[in-house]
Amino acid sequence: MSTETRPDREVSRTSNSFLGDVWTNFMRWNINAIRNPFVVVSSLLQPIIFLVLFTQVFGNIAGGALQTGVSYETYLLPAIAVQIALIVASSSGIGLVDDIESGVFQKTLVTPMNRAAVFLGKTLSELVRIVVQVTIILVLGVVLGAEVATGVPGALAIIGIAILFSLWFLAFSNTVALITRDQESTIIAANMLQLPLLFVSSAFLPVSQMQPWIQTVATYNPITYGVDAARAIMLNKDVMEVLDVTAFGGIWNTLVPSLAILIVLDVILGAVAIYMINRASSASVQ
């Protein structure tokens, strides 16, 4: 009797395994976030502090460097949206290390769960946080005086860019966690990249106003392309300075190269992260 029913059960489990595994991991990480609200609040608090302090304390000085007639609140808001995506993505690896140290990750690896689904479910839960937090920061920015030239559709597009931008750093953060398997090392690696990369990008000032060596770094800095894409939508015009693109016209001269670069990074680092999970799974089985 048991030998007759076992194949049916296996077929049923297999036919729904990928979506079921995604959903299981998605819900598990959302529950973890609810149980630890400090992480969620702190990842939003830092960008709010940056937004308020930079606009209220440095707004007049920094605004003078823009030479575009755009308020600094409007100029800075897309960068803060990208910063939120960066902070949430950097915390992703820290959460994975917690799983590793508690033994939950090892238990997950020996289950028949699809490894890509494990990573995708975890990623989707973090993308939900990004959507909520970027929405909050956009509303706060408008209250402080920022203007979204493209309106509500533009605000939704900025959220979409924040999601696209976050994927490569989510993958990087989880890869670092799988390599180091140590929370302190993962935090140091994320922080060593996060703030320095923000300041040597187009986030806070136009690249043309910076030192030549910073302009060079900004050209190869992924944050520049995330910020420029969001800012182009915010201002509804071409804002890219690090690449001389004229083939597409207007705002698309910024969006096409920026989105193309981010998509390539997402695919490459996402593949590396899945490879590392599969490798960890093989090592666990052995």
Protein backbone atom coordinates (compact mmCIF):
# COMPACT_ATOMS: atom_id res chain seq x y z
CA MET A 1 0.00 0.00 0.00
CA SER A 2 2.79 2.42 0.93
CA THR A 3 4.74 1.65 -2.27
CA GLU A 4 1.67 2.58 -4.36
CA THR A 5 1.08 5.96 -2.74
CA ARG A 6 4.71 7.06 -2.45
CA PRO A 7 5.14 7.90 -6.20
CA ASP A 8 1.95 9.98 -6.17
CA ARG A 9 3.17 11.92 -3.18
CA GLU A 10 6.55 12.46 -4.83
CA VAL A 11 4.96 13.66 -8.06
CA SER A 12 2.69 16.03 -6.14
CA ARG A 13 5.58 17.45 -4.15
CA THR A 14 7.82 17.79 -7.21
CA SER A 15 5.20 19.48 -9.37
CA ASN A 16 4.74 22.27 -6.83
CA SER A 17 8.21 22.31 -5.32
CA PHE A 18 9.68 25.48 -6.79
CA LEU A 19 6.80 27.87 -6.02
CA GLY A 20 6.18 26.14 -2.71
CA ASP A 21 9.83 26.47 -1.74
CA VAL A 22 9.86 30.14 -2.75
CA TRP A 23 6.75 30.81 -0.67
CA THR A 24 8.08 28.92 2.35
CA ASN A 25 11.32 30.89 2.38
CA PHE A 26 9.53 34.16 1.62
CA MET A 27 7.24 33.76 4.62
CA ARG A 28 10.01 32.56 6.92
CA TRP A 29 12.17 35.62 6.30
CA ASN A 30 9.20 37.98 6.62
CA ILE A 31 8.35 36.42 9.99
CA ASN A 32 11.99 36.85 11.04
CA ALA A 33 11.79 40.54 10.13
CA ILE A 34 8.59 41.02 12.13
CA ARG A 35 10.16 39.33 15.14
CA ASN A 36 13.21 41.60 14.90
CA PRO A 37 11.79 45.05 14.09
CA PHE A 38 15.01 46.78 15.17
CA VAL A 39 16.72 45.71 11.94
CA VAL A 40 13.84 47.04 9.84
CA VAL A 41 13.65 50.35 11.70
CA SER A 42 17.42 50.91 11.74
CA SER A 43 17.72 50.28 8.00
CA LEU A 44 15.17 53.08 7.44
CA LEU A 45 16.46 55.42 10.13
CA GLN A 46 19.89 56.01 8.57
CA PRO A 47 18.53 57.19 5.18
CA ILE A 48 16.03 59.46 6.96
CA ILE A 49 18.88 61.00 8.94
CA PHE A 50 20.87 61.48 5.73
CA LEU A 51 17.89 63.05 3.98
CA VAL A 52 17.06 65.46 6.79
CA LEU A 53 20.63 66.41 7.71
CA PHE A 54 21.94 66.81 4.18
CA THR A 55 18.97 68.87 3.02
CA GLN A 56 18.57 70.99 6.15
CA VAL A 57 22.23 71.43 7.16
CA PHE A 58 24.08 71.26 3.84
CA GLY A 59 21.24 72.10 1.49
CA ASN A 60 22.22 75.71 0.78
CA ILE A 61 25.89 74.91 0.20
CA ALA A 62 25.34 71.73 -1.80
CA GLY A 63 22.43 73.26 -3.69
CA GLY A 64 24.71 76.02 -4.92
CA ALA A 65 26.97 73.44 -6.54
CA LEU A 66 24.13 72.07 -8.65
CA GLN A 67 23.84 75.08 -10.95
CA THR A 68 20.62 73.65 -12.40
CA GLY A 69 17.87 75.47 -10.53
CA VAL A 70 16.79 72.18 -8.94
CA SER A 71 16.30 72.14 -5.17
CA TYR A 72 18.74 69.95 -3.24
CA GLU A 73 15.79 68.01 -1.78
CA THR A 74 14.76 67.00 -5.29
CA TYR A 75 18.34 66.23 -6.29
CA LEU A 76 19.12 64.14 -3.21
CA LEU A 77 15.92 62.10 -2.88
CA PRO A 78 16.75 59.52 -5.62
CA ALA A 79 20.12 58.90 -3.96
CA ILE A 80 18.45 58.24 -0.61
CA ALA A 81 16.06 55.77 -2.29
CA VAL A 82 19.07 53.91 -3.69
CA GLN A 83 20.79 54.09 -0.30
CA ILE A 84 17.83 52.29 1.29
CA ALA A 85 18.17 49.52 -1.28
CA LEU A 86 21.87 49.31 -0.47
CA ILE A 87 21.33 49.11 3.31
CA VAL A 88 18.63 46.44 3.08
CA ALA A 89 20.77 44.45 0.65
CA SER A 90 23.81 44.63 2.94
CA SER A 91 21.76 43.30 5.86
CA SER A 92 20.73 40.28 3.78
CA GLY A 93 24.08 38.57 4.26
CA ILE A 94 24.00 39.28 7.99
CA GLY A 95 20.66 37.46 8.24
CA LEU A 96 22.12 34.50 6.37
CA VAL A 97 25.06 34.35 8.78
CA ASP A 98 22.58 34.23 11.67
CA ASP A 99 20.99 31.22 9.96
CA ILE A 100 24.39 29.58 9.54
CA GLU A 101 25.41 30.17 13.15
CA SER A 102 22.09 28.87 14.49
CA GLY A 103 22.23 25.75 12.30
CA VAL A 104 19.01 26.58 10.41
CA PHE A 105 20.87 27.05 7.11
CA GLN A 106 22.48 23.61 7.34
CA LYS A 107 19.09 22.04 8.02
CA THR A 108 17.66 23.83 4.98
CA LEU A 109 20.44 22.49 2.77
CA VAL A 110 19.68 18.85 3.56
CA THR A 111 16.00 19.27 2.65
CA PRO A 112 14.81 18.63 -0.94
CA MET A 113 14.17 22.38 -1.41
CA ASN A 114 15.24 23.90 -4.73
CA ARG A 115 18.39 25.96 -4.05
CA ALA A 116 17.40 28.76 -6.43
CA ALA A 117 14.00 28.90 -4.71
CA VAL A 118 15.68 29.23 -1.31
CA PHE A 119 17.61 32.27 -2.53
CA LEU A 120 14.63 33.71 -4.44
CA GLY A 121 12.26 33.47 -1.47
CA LYS A 122 14.76 35.20 0.79
CA THR A 123 15.37 37.88 -1.84
CA LEU A 124 11.66 38.57 -2.37
CA SER A 125 11.13 39.13 1.35
CA GLU A 126 13.89 41.74 1.33
CA LEU A 127 12.46 43.39 -1.78
CA VAL A 128 9.19 43.88 0.10
CA ARG A 129 11.12 45.83 2.75
CA ILE A 130 12.74 47.93 0.04
CA VAL A 131 9.37 48.77 -1.54
CA VAL A 132 7.86 49.83 1.79
CA GLN A 133 10.87 51.85 2.92
CA VAL A 134 11.48 53.60 -0.41
CA THR A 135 7.80 54.54 -0.51
CA ILE A 136 8.11 56.07 2.97
CA ILE A 137 11.25 58.02 2.04
CA LEU A 138 9.67 59.33 -1.19
CA VAL A 139 6.65 60.62 0.74
CA LEU A 140 8.94 62.22 3.35
CA GLY A 141 11.03 63.80 0.60
CA VAL A 142 7.96 65.37 -1.00
CA VAL A 143 6.93 66.71 2.41
CA LEU A 144 10.38 68.31 2.72
CA GLY A 145 9.97 70.00 -0.66
CA ALA A 146 11.19 67.53 -3.28
CA GLU A 147 9.34 67.39 -6.60
CA VAL A 148 8.90 64.30 -8.76
CA ALA A 149 8.64 65.73 -12.29
CA THR A 150 7.15 62.50 -13.63
CA GLY A 151 4.49 62.27 -10.92
CA VAL A 152 3.17 59.04 -9.41
CA PRO A 153 4.28 56.86 -12.37
CA GLY A 154 7.78 58.27 -11.88
CA ALA A 155 7.70 57.49 -8.16
CA LEU A 156 6.73 53.89 -8.96
CA ALA A 157 9.55 53.72 -11.51
CA ILE A 158 12.03 54.94 -8.86
CA ILE A 159 10.87 52.11 -6.58
CA GLY A 160 11.42 49.69 -9.46
CA ILE A 161 14.94 51.01 -10.02
CA ALA A 162 15.70 50.63 -6.31
CA ILE A 163 14.62 46.98 -6.58
CA LEU A 164 16.73 46.39 -9.70
CA PHE A 165 19.70 48.10 -8.09
CA SER A 166 19.44 46.09 -4.87
CA LEU A 167 19.66 42.67 -6.53
CA TRP A 168 23.37 42.74 -7.28
CA PHE A 169 24.29 43.81 -3.74
CA LEU A 170 21.86 41.28 -2.24
CA ALA A 171 23.68 38.58 -4.15
CA PHE A 172 27.08 39.99 -3.18
CA SER A 173 26.14 40.21 0.51
CA ASN A 174 24.91 36.60 0.58
CA THR A 175 28.01 35.42 -1.28
CA VAL A 176 30.25 37.10 1.30
CA ALA A 177 28.21 35.48 4.07
CA LEU A 178 28.63 32.03 2.51
CA ILE A 179 32.38 32.55 2.12
CA THR A 180 33.14 34.00 5.56
CA ARG A 181 30.31 32.34 7.58
CA ASP A 182 31.05 35.02 10.15
CA GLN A 183 28.76 37.92 11.08
CA GLU A 184 31.52 40.39 11.92
CA SER A 185 33.36 39.77 8.64
CA THR A 186 30.13 40.15 6.66
CA ILE A 187 29.28 43.44 8.40
CA ILE A 188 32.79 44.79 7.81
CA ALA A 189 32.73 43.80 4.13
CA ALA A 190 29.32 45.46 3.61
CA ASN A 191 30.24 48.66 5.47
CA MET A 192 33.63 48.94 3.75
CA LEU A 193 31.83 49.13 0.42
CA GLN A 194 28.54 50.81 1.28
CA LEU A 195 29.46 54.31 2.51
CA PRO A 196 32.67 54.82 0.48
CA LEU A 197 30.88 53.86 -2.73
CA LEU A 198 28.06 56.28 -1.93
CA PHE A 199 30.44 59.20 -1.51
CA VAL A 200 32.42 58.45 -4.69
CA SER A 201 29.32 58.35 -6.86
CA SER A 202 26.82 60.87 -8.18
CA ALA A 203 24.68 60.43 -5.04
CA PHE A 204 25.32 63.69 -3.19
CA LEU A 205 26.91 66.02 -5.75
CA PRO A 206 27.31 66.20 -9.53
CA VAL A 207 30.30 64.15 -10.67
CA SER A 208 31.59 67.14 -12.65
CA GLN A 209 32.09 69.03 -9.36
CA MET A 210 34.37 66.36 -7.88
CA GLN A 211 38.09 65.65 -8.07
CA PRO A 212 39.28 63.92 -11.29
CA TRP A 213 40.14 60.68 -9.47
CA ILE A 214 36.64 60.56 -7.96
CA GLN A 215 35.15 61.08 -11.42
CA THR A 216 37.11 58.05 -12.60
CA VAL A 217 35.95 55.91 -9.68
CA ALA A 218 32.35 57.09 -10.18
CA THR A 219 32.46 55.84 -13.78
CA TYR A 220 33.04 52.26 -12.55
CA ASN A 221 30.81 52.57 -9.47
CA PRO A 222 27.45 50.73 -9.76
CA ILE A 223 25.84 53.21 -7.36
CA THR A 224 26.33 55.97 -9.93
CA TYR A 225 24.12 54.14 -12.42
CA GLY A 226 21.40 53.36 -9.89
CA VAL A 227 21.31 56.97 -8.70
CA ASP A 228 21.47 58.42 -12.22
CA ALA A 229 18.57 56.23 -13.40
CA ALA A 230 16.40 57.23 -10.43
CA ARG A 231 17.41 60.89 -10.76
CA ALA A 232 16.66 60.97 -14.49
CA ILE A 233 13.10 59.89 -13.70
CA MET A 234 12.91 62.32 -10.78
CA LEU A 235 13.91 65.26 -13.01
CA ASN A 236 12.56 63.84 -16.30
CA LYS A 237 15.80 64.56 -18.16
CA ASP A 238 19.19 63.14 -19.08
CA VAL A 239 21.50 63.49 -16.07
CA MET A 240 24.35 61.08 -16.84
CA GLU A 241 27.83 62.62 -16.74
CA VAL A 242 30.10 59.59 -16.49
CA LEU A 243 29.18 58.23 -19.95
CA ASP A 244 28.64 60.25 -23.11
CA VAL A 245 25.53 58.58 -24.52
CA THR A 246 23.43 60.40 -27.13
CA ALA A 247 21.95 57.57 -29.19
CA PHE A 248 18.58 57.27 -27.45
CA GLY A 249 17.51 60.85 -26.83
CA GLY A 250 16.49 62.71 -23.66
CA ILE A 251 15.96 60.74 -20.48
CA TRP A 252 16.70 57.46 -22.27
CA ASN A 253 20.37 58.45 -22.69
CA THR A 254 20.59 57.89 -18.94
CA LEU A 255 18.10 55.06 -18.46
CA VAL A 256 19.25 52.64 -21.18
CA PRO A 257 22.94 52.37 -20.23
CA SER A 258 22.19 52.54 -16.48
CA LEU A 259 19.58 49.79 -16.55
CA ALA A 260 21.70 47.65 -18.87
CA ILE A 261 24.68 47.83 -16.48
CA LEU A 262 22.51 47.01 -13.45
CA ILE A 263 20.88 44.04 -15.19
CA VAL A 264 24.28 42.60 -16.15
CA LEU A 265 25.49 42.96 -12.55
CA ASP A 266 22.28 41.33 -11.24
CA VAL A 267 22.64 38.33 -13.55
CA ILE A 268 26.36 37.76 -12.88
CA LEU A 269 26.27 38.16 -9.10
CA GLY A 270 22.94 36.35 -8.81
CA ALA A 271 24.45 33.37 -10.62
CA VAL A 272 27.47 33.47 -8.29
CA ALA A 273 25.20 33.51 -5.22
CA ILE A 274 23.19 30.51 -6.45
CA TYR A 275 26.43 28.69 -7.26
CA MET A 276 27.69 29.33 -3.73
CA ILE A 277 24.42 28.00 -2.24
CA ASN A 278 24.68 24.87 -4.39
CA ARG A 279 28.30 24.46 -3.39
CA ALA A 280 27.41 24.83 0.28
CA SER A 281 24.66 22.26 -0.19
CA SER A 282 27.08 19.76 -1.74
CA ALA A 283 29.57 20.26 1.08
CA SER A 284 26.82 19.78 3.66
CA VAL A 285 25.67 16.52 2.07
CA GLN A 286 29.21 15.18 1.97
